[in-house]
Protein backbone atom coordinates (compact mmCIF):
# COMPACT_ATOMS: atom_id res chain seq x y z
CA MET A 1 8.31 -62.40 50.12
CA GLY A 2 6.67 -60.55 52.74
CA HIS A 3 5.18 -57.13 53.22
CA SER A 4 5.72 -54.38 55.94
CA GLU A 5 2.09 -53.79 56.04
CA ARG A 6 -1.10 -55.88 56.26
CA PRO A 7 -2.24 -57.09 52.91
CA HIS A 8 -4.58 -55.17 50.91
CA LYS A 9 -8.02 -56.90 51.63
CA VAL A 10 -10.06 -57.68 48.50
CA ALA A 11 -13.62 -58.92 48.79
CA VAL A 12 -15.07 -60.63 45.86
CA LEU A 13 -18.85 -60.51 45.67
CA ALA A 14 -20.52 -63.77 44.26
CA LEU A 15 -24.11 -63.55 43.10
CA ASP A 16 -26.52 -66.14 41.97
CA GLY A 17 -25.81 -67.12 38.38
CA VAL A 18 -22.20 -66.22 38.72
CA TYR A 19 -19.57 -67.59 36.10
CA PRO A 20 -17.17 -69.74 37.89
CA PHE A 21 -14.09 -68.71 35.58
CA GLU A 22 -14.62 -65.15 36.32
CA LEU A 23 -15.32 -65.80 40.09
CA GLY A 24 -11.90 -67.36 40.44
CA ILE A 25 -9.76 -64.56 38.52
CA PRO A 26 -9.20 -62.20 41.43
CA ALA A 27 -7.94 -65.01 43.81
CA ARG A 28 -5.77 -66.58 41.05
CA ILE A 29 -4.21 -63.38 39.75
CA LEU A 30 -4.08 -61.18 43.01
CA GLY A 31 -3.09 -64.14 45.02
CA SER A 32 -0.06 -64.58 42.80
CA ALA A 33 1.33 -61.22 43.71
CA ASP A 34 3.46 -62.47 46.81
CA ASP A 35 1.68 -61.51 49.88
CA ALA A 36 0.21 -58.18 48.83
CA TYR A 37 -3.40 -59.08 48.83
CA GLU A 38 -5.79 -60.98 50.94
CA VAL A 39 -8.70 -62.09 48.83
CA VAL A 40 -11.96 -63.46 50.23
CA VAL A 41 -15.15 -64.44 48.66
CA CYS A 42 -18.55 -63.43 50.01
CA SER A 43 -22.27 -63.76 49.15
CA VAL A 44 -25.12 -61.39 49.82
CA ASP A 45 -26.32 -63.51 52.85
CA GLY A 46 -23.43 -65.83 53.57
CA GLY A 47 -25.04 -68.93 52.09
CA PRO A 48 -24.30 -70.97 48.97
CA VAL A 49 -24.44 -69.51 45.32
CA GLU A 50 -25.60 -71.01 42.26
CA THR A 51 -23.30 -70.82 39.39
CA ASN A 52 -24.25 -70.85 35.68
CA ALA A 53 -22.37 -74.07 35.39
CA GLY A 54 -24.47 -76.50 37.26
CA PHE A 55 -22.93 -76.53 40.46
CA ARG A 56 -22.88 -74.26 43.73
CA VAL A 57 -20.28 -72.66 45.42
CA VAL A 58 -20.08 -71.92 49.20
CA PRO A 59 -18.32 -68.61 50.02
CA GLN A 60 -16.65 -68.47 53.47
CA HIS A 61 -18.02 -65.04 54.21
CA GLY A 62 -21.11 -63.02 54.13
CA PRO A 63 -21.80 -59.43 53.32
CA GLU A 64 -19.92 -58.25 56.58
CA VAL A 65 -16.57 -58.34 54.92
CA LEU A 66 -17.69 -55.62 52.60
CA GLU A 67 -17.50 -53.22 55.46
CA THR A 68 -13.64 -53.82 56.01
CA ALA A 69 -12.43 -54.57 52.38
CA HIS A 70 -10.13 -52.16 50.66
CA THR A 71 -11.38 -53.21 47.26
CA VAL A 72 -14.54 -54.79 46.38
CA ILE A 73 -14.91 -56.90 43.06
CA VAL A 74 -18.44 -57.59 41.78
CA THR A 75 -18.19 -60.71 39.47
CA PRO A 76 -20.55 -61.36 36.54
CA VAL A 77 -23.67 -63.33 36.33
CA GLU A 78 -25.93 -64.76 33.44
CA THR A 79 -27.37 -61.99 31.27
CA ALA A 80 -30.80 -63.37 31.77
CA ARG A 81 -30.40 -62.56 35.57
CA ILE A 82 -29.63 -59.13 34.85
CA GLY A 83 -32.11 -56.30 35.70
CA ARG A 84 -31.89 -52.50 35.63
CA GLU A 85 -31.87 -52.43 39.44
CA PRO A 86 -30.19 -54.91 41.71
CA ALA A 87 -32.37 -57.09 43.90
CA PRO A 88 -33.17 -55.77 47.30
CA GLU A 89 -30.69 -58.14 48.91
CA VAL A 90 -27.80 -57.31 46.38
CA ALA A 91 -28.51 -53.52 46.93
CA ALA A 92 -28.31 -53.98 50.79
CA ALA A 93 -24.93 -55.81 50.41
CA LEU A 94 -23.55 -53.01 48.07
CA ALA A 95 -24.70 -50.48 50.88
CA ARG A 96 -22.24 -52.15 53.36
CA ILE A 97 -19.15 -51.31 51.34
CA ARG A 98 -17.11 -49.10 53.41
CA PRO A 99 -16.67 -45.45 52.28
CA GLY A 100 -13.42 -44.93 50.35
CA ALA A 101 -13.16 -48.40 49.21
CA ARG A 102 -12.23 -49.30 45.65
CA ILE A 103 -14.98 -50.83 43.72
CA ALA A 104 -14.37 -52.98 40.45
CA SER A 105 -16.49 -55.27 38.34
CA ILE A 106 -15.81 -57.96 35.82
CA CYS A 107 -17.99 -58.24 32.51
CA SER A 108 -21.78 -58.20 33.49
CA GLY A 109 -21.04 -56.95 36.99
CA VAL A 110 -21.00 -53.51 35.72
CA PHE A 111 -24.71 -53.75 35.33
CA VAL A 112 -24.95 -54.25 38.99
CA LEU A 113 -22.70 -51.39 39.79
CA ALA A 114 -24.87 -49.13 37.24
CA GLY A 115 -28.20 -50.47 38.57
CA ALA A 116 -26.92 -49.55 42.12
CA GLY A 117 -26.22 -45.71 40.75
CA LEU A 118 -22.55 -46.07 41.48
CA LEU A 119 -21.49 -45.25 37.89
CA ASP A 120 -23.61 -42.21 37.11
CA GLY A 121 -21.67 -39.61 35.03
CA ARG A 122 -18.65 -42.07 35.07
CA PRO A 123 -16.88 -43.67 32.34
CA ALA A 124 -17.34 -47.52 32.12
CA THR A 125 -16.97 -50.49 29.85
CA CYS A 126 -18.87 -53.78 29.38
CA HIS A 127 -18.80 -56.79 26.95
CA TRP A 128 -19.15 -55.52 23.44
CA GLU A 129 -22.21 -57.83 23.02
CA SER A 130 -24.00 -56.06 25.88
CA ALA A 131 -23.14 -52.50 24.82
CA GLU A 132 -26.42 -51.63 23.13
CA GLN A 133 -28.36 -52.94 25.98
CA PHE A 134 -26.24 -51.17 28.56
CA ARG A 135 -26.65 -47.93 26.81
CA ASN A 136 -30.38 -48.04 26.54
CA TRP A 137 -30.58 -48.87 30.29
CA PHE A 138 -27.80 -46.32 31.57
CA PRO A 139 -27.68 -43.29 29.23
CA ARG A 140 -26.03 -41.30 31.96
CA ILE A 141 -22.87 -43.55 32.00
CA HIS A 142 -20.21 -43.05 29.38
CA LEU A 143 -19.63 -46.37 27.97
CA ASP A 144 -16.65 -47.15 25.85
CA GLU A 145 -16.97 -50.84 24.87
CA ASP A 146 -13.67 -50.77 22.71
CA VAL A 147 -11.56 -51.04 25.77
CA LEU A 148 -10.61 -54.04 28.03
CA PHE A 149 -10.90 -52.16 31.17
CA VAL A 150 -11.62 -48.69 32.46
CA ASP A 151 -9.87 -47.11 35.60
CA ASP A 152 -11.73 -44.19 37.00
CA GLY A 153 -9.83 -44.11 40.07
CA ASP A 154 -12.01 -45.61 42.88
CA VAL A 155 -14.35 -47.31 40.28
CA LEU A 156 -13.02 -49.74 37.67
CA THR A 157 -15.02 -51.72 35.24
CA SER A 158 -13.93 -54.46 32.73
CA ALA A 159 -15.08 -56.17 29.66
CA GLY A 160 -16.00 -59.95 29.17
CA ALA A 161 -14.20 -63.01 30.78
CA ALA A 162 -10.50 -62.69 30.45
CA SER A 163 -10.58 -59.07 30.65
CA GLY A 164 -10.87 -59.61 34.55
CA VAL A 165 -7.27 -60.90 34.38
CA ASP A 166 -6.22 -57.53 32.53
CA LEU A 167 -8.06 -55.69 35.31
CA CYS A 168 -6.46 -57.52 38.11
CA LEU A 169 -2.92 -57.30 36.70
CA HIS A 170 -3.65 -53.45 36.30
CA LEU A 171 -4.58 -53.33 39.98
CA ILE A 172 -1.35 -54.94 40.93
CA ARG A 173 0.58 -52.59 38.46
CA THR A 174 -1.14 -49.55 39.89
CA ASP A 175 -0.65 -50.55 43.63
CA HIS A 176 2.77 -52.00 43.50
CA GLY A 177 4.35 -51.39 39.99
CA ALA A 178 4.98 -53.34 36.84
CA GLN A 179 7.59 -55.66 38.30
CA LEU A 180 5.20 -57.45 40.89
CA ALA A 181 2.43 -57.35 38.16
CA ASN A 182 4.78 -59.05 35.68
CA ARG A 183 5.79 -61.50 38.15
CA ALA A 184 2.12 -62.36 38.98
CA ALA A 185 1.51 -62.81 35.26
CA ARG A 186 4.15 -65.21 34.66
CA ARG A 187 3.12 -67.21 37.52
CA CYS A 188 -0.24 -67.52 35.93
CA VAL A 189 1.23 -68.03 32.42
CA VAL A 190 -0.77 -64.99 30.99
CA ALA A 191 0.20 -61.83 29.29
CA PRO A 192 1.36 -59.10 31.70
CA PHE A 193 -0.28 -56.38 29.25
CA ARG A 194 -2.55 -56.98 26.44
CA GLU A 195 -2.50 -54.27 23.69
CA GLY A 196 -5.52 -52.93 21.87
CA GLY A 197 -9.12 -53.30 23.07
CA GLN A 198 -12.14 -55.25 22.46
CA ALA A 199 -12.21 -54.38 18.75
CA GLN A 200 -9.56 -57.21 18.25
CA TYR A 201 -12.02 -59.73 19.53
CA ILE A 202 -15.37 -58.75 17.58
CA ASP A 203 -16.28 -61.25 14.85
CA ARG A 204 -14.58 -60.21 11.62
CA PRO A 205 -13.12 -62.26 8.76
CA VAL A 206 -9.43 -62.83 9.72
CA ALA A 207 -7.25 -65.33 7.70
CA ASP A 208 -7.14 -68.90 9.24
CA ASP A 209 -3.62 -69.61 7.72
CA PRO A 210 -0.73 -68.76 10.34
CA ALA A 211 1.29 -67.58 7.25
CA ASP A 212 -1.39 -64.76 6.87
CA SER A 213 -1.05 -63.62 10.45
CA THR A 214 0.95 -60.66 11.64
CA SER A 215 2.07 -62.17 14.88
CA ALA A 216 5.55 -63.18 13.83
CA THR A 217 6.15 -59.60 12.50
CA ARG A 218 4.93 -58.20 15.76
CA GLN A 219 7.42 -60.29 17.62
CA TRP A 220 10.20 -59.42 15.21
CA ALA A 221 9.34 -55.58 15.74
CA LEU A 222 9.23 -55.94 19.62
CA GLU A 223 13.09 -57.23 19.40
CA ARG A 224 13.94 -54.19 17.21
CA LEU A 225 12.14 -51.23 19.20
CA THR A 226 15.38 -49.22 19.13
CA GLU A 227 15.07 -49.04 15.25
CA LYS A 228 12.80 -46.51 13.18
CA LEU A 229 10.28 -49.15 11.82
CA THR A 230 8.12 -48.37 8.89
CA VAL A 231 4.98 -49.93 7.65
CA GLU A 232 6.72 -50.86 4.61
CA GLN A 233 9.50 -52.73 6.61
CA LEU A 234 6.83 -54.55 8.75
CA ALA A 235 4.90 -55.40 5.57
CA ARG A 236 7.96 -56.62 3.91
CA HIS A 237 8.84 -59.06 6.87
CA ALA A 238 5.33 -60.32 6.86
CA HIS A 239 5.53 -60.87 3.13
CA MET A 240 2.35 -58.70 2.48
CA SER A 241 1.61 -55.55 0.66
CA PRO A 242 1.43 -52.56 3.00
CA ARG A 243 -2.27 -52.23 2.50
CA THR A 244 -2.91 -55.82 3.22
CA PHE A 245 -0.60 -55.63 6.12
CA VAL A 246 -2.20 -52.62 7.78
CA ARG A 247 -5.68 -54.11 7.33
CA ARG A 248 -4.79 -57.49 8.94
CA PHE A 249 -2.70 -55.90 11.66
CA HIS A 250 -5.69 -53.89 12.66
CA ALA A 251 -8.04 -56.70 12.60
CA GLU A 252 -5.70 -58.90 14.96
CA THR A 253 -4.75 -56.17 17.54
CA GLY A 254 -7.35 -53.34 17.20
CA LEU A 255 -4.71 -50.83 16.43
CA PRO A 256 -2.71 -49.49 13.46
CA PRO A 257 0.88 -50.56 13.28
CA GLY A 258 2.33 -47.01 14.19
CA GLN A 259 0.01 -46.65 17.49
CA TRP A 260 0.82 -50.33 18.36
CA LEU A 261 4.68 -49.71 18.26
CA THR A 262 4.36 -46.44 20.29
CA ARG A 263 2.38 -48.34 22.97
CA GLN A 264 5.03 -51.05 22.97
CA ARG A 265 7.64 -48.56 23.40
CA LEU A 266 5.90 -46.76 26.20
CA ALA A 267 5.35 -50.03 28.13
CA HIS A 268 9.02 -50.62 27.89
CA ALA A 269 10.06 -47.23 28.98
CA ARG A 270 7.72 -47.44 31.98
CA SER A 271 9.38 -50.74 32.86
CA LEU A 272 12.96 -49.15 32.60
CA LEU A 273 11.70 -46.21 34.75
CA GLU A 274 10.60 -48.42 37.51
CA SER A 275 13.50 -50.98 37.51
CA THR A 276 16.55 -49.04 36.25
CA ASP A 277 18.56 -45.93 36.90
CA LEU A 278 18.95 -45.16 33.39
CA THR A 279 18.27 -41.38 32.30
CA VAL A 280 15.52 -40.19 30.43
CA ASP A 281 17.81 -39.55 27.52
CA GLN A 282 19.14 -43.11 27.68
CA ILE A 283 15.63 -44.66 28.03
CA ALA A 284 14.42 -42.74 24.98
CA TYR A 285 17.21 -44.11 22.93
CA GLU A 286 16.55 -47.69 24.30
CA ILE A 287 12.98 -47.67 23.35
CA GLY A 288 13.68 -46.12 19.86
CA PHE A 289 12.42 -42.52 20.61
CA ALA A 290 14.35 -39.97 18.72
CA THR A 291 14.56 -37.48 21.90
CA ALA A 292 13.88 -37.41 25.34
CA ALA A 293 11.39 -34.58 24.59
CA SER A 294 9.46 -37.20 22.40
CA LEU A 295 9.31 -39.72 25.33
CA ARG A 296 8.11 -36.99 27.66
CA GLN A 297 5.55 -35.84 25.11
CA HIS A 298 4.08 -39.41 24.52
CA LEU A 299 4.23 -40.48 28.33
CA ASN A 300 2.43 -37.20 29.36
CA ALA A 301 -0.26 -37.92 26.53
CA GLU A 302 -0.80 -41.57 27.85
CA LEU A 303 -0.66 -41.10 31.58
CA GLY A 304 -0.64 -37.34 32.15
CA VAL A 305 2.88 -37.46 34.07
CA SER A 306 6.50 -36.73 33.15
CA PRO A 307 8.86 -39.69 33.13
CA GLN A 308 10.37 -38.26 36.38
CA ALA A 309 7.05 -38.13 38.06
CA TYR A 310 6.37 -41.61 36.99
CA ARG A 311 9.66 -42.93 38.31
CA ARG A 312 9.17 -41.20 41.65
CA THR A 313 5.69 -42.79 42.10
CA PHE A 314 6.38 -46.27 40.92
CA ARG A 315 9.88 -46.76 42.13
CA THR A 316 8.49 -45.80 45.67
CA ALA A 317 5.57 -48.13 45.02
CA ALA A 318 7.61 -51.01 43.90
CA ALA A 319 10.10 -50.60 46.76
CA SER A 320 7.18 -50.60 49.21
CA SER A 321 5.94 -53.88 47.78
CA LYS A 322 9.06 -55.69 49.13
CA ALA A 323 9.95 -56.30 52.57
């Protein structure tokens, strides 16, 4: 499927000590979004880069591509290589990013952006294990280590490892709408949108027995979003007491059941606004909200826009992603 405009150019900056998995995420995810993105990899000097996995990679480009990229993604490096300020050659490369470009980081790449002064006064996130160090080094940055990524418009940061997948899918969703993001996710066999934040991945006692998990009940609930589901109903389906269910649910998802259900309903509403001509009243019914006013209230609280404004923006964006 082609695009009427030139692809959005994404430059991925690889630094010495880079994690190979995270380095490959942008090309794999963004490259699955039809022809919407051109992803290139560069190093600070155009030469090979040592990974932390015992081999080198040889990017095809030097820092000159940063001058023409629409989006720049800084990939993570080993924590031992992180300093409060980037090395001179890294700082020089970052200085070549063209004005107005969108900048993003995966995992410890946020330390590079912070050290270069690109995050002062902004919100950001990092891997939960690095949060204390990050706060000590960069007190002027508003850190939220509970989320998978933070979108501050022209600067985005993500947490550890696989949150780079969430970030790249978010970029596709923002640029071209949920349908293309979902299509890219299916091609890569990953979840198009992960609910909750890093809280669900922090070490805590969770039962090993699948029978003690709430996953089957979450799937059951997703098939019944039009119904008014209560904690008691969910707990009964999971064969748990309400108290045990709520505790286990929060441990597994990072969210209480009611908030999780609301997010699932809003995610479905966004998809319907983008891909159908259903009225707001019809969509409210389809997702289990009592009234259209309730949908408007929740969507405005989550995104700061009305259903009509969201539809105008993303139906246009989705349409423009097709040629």
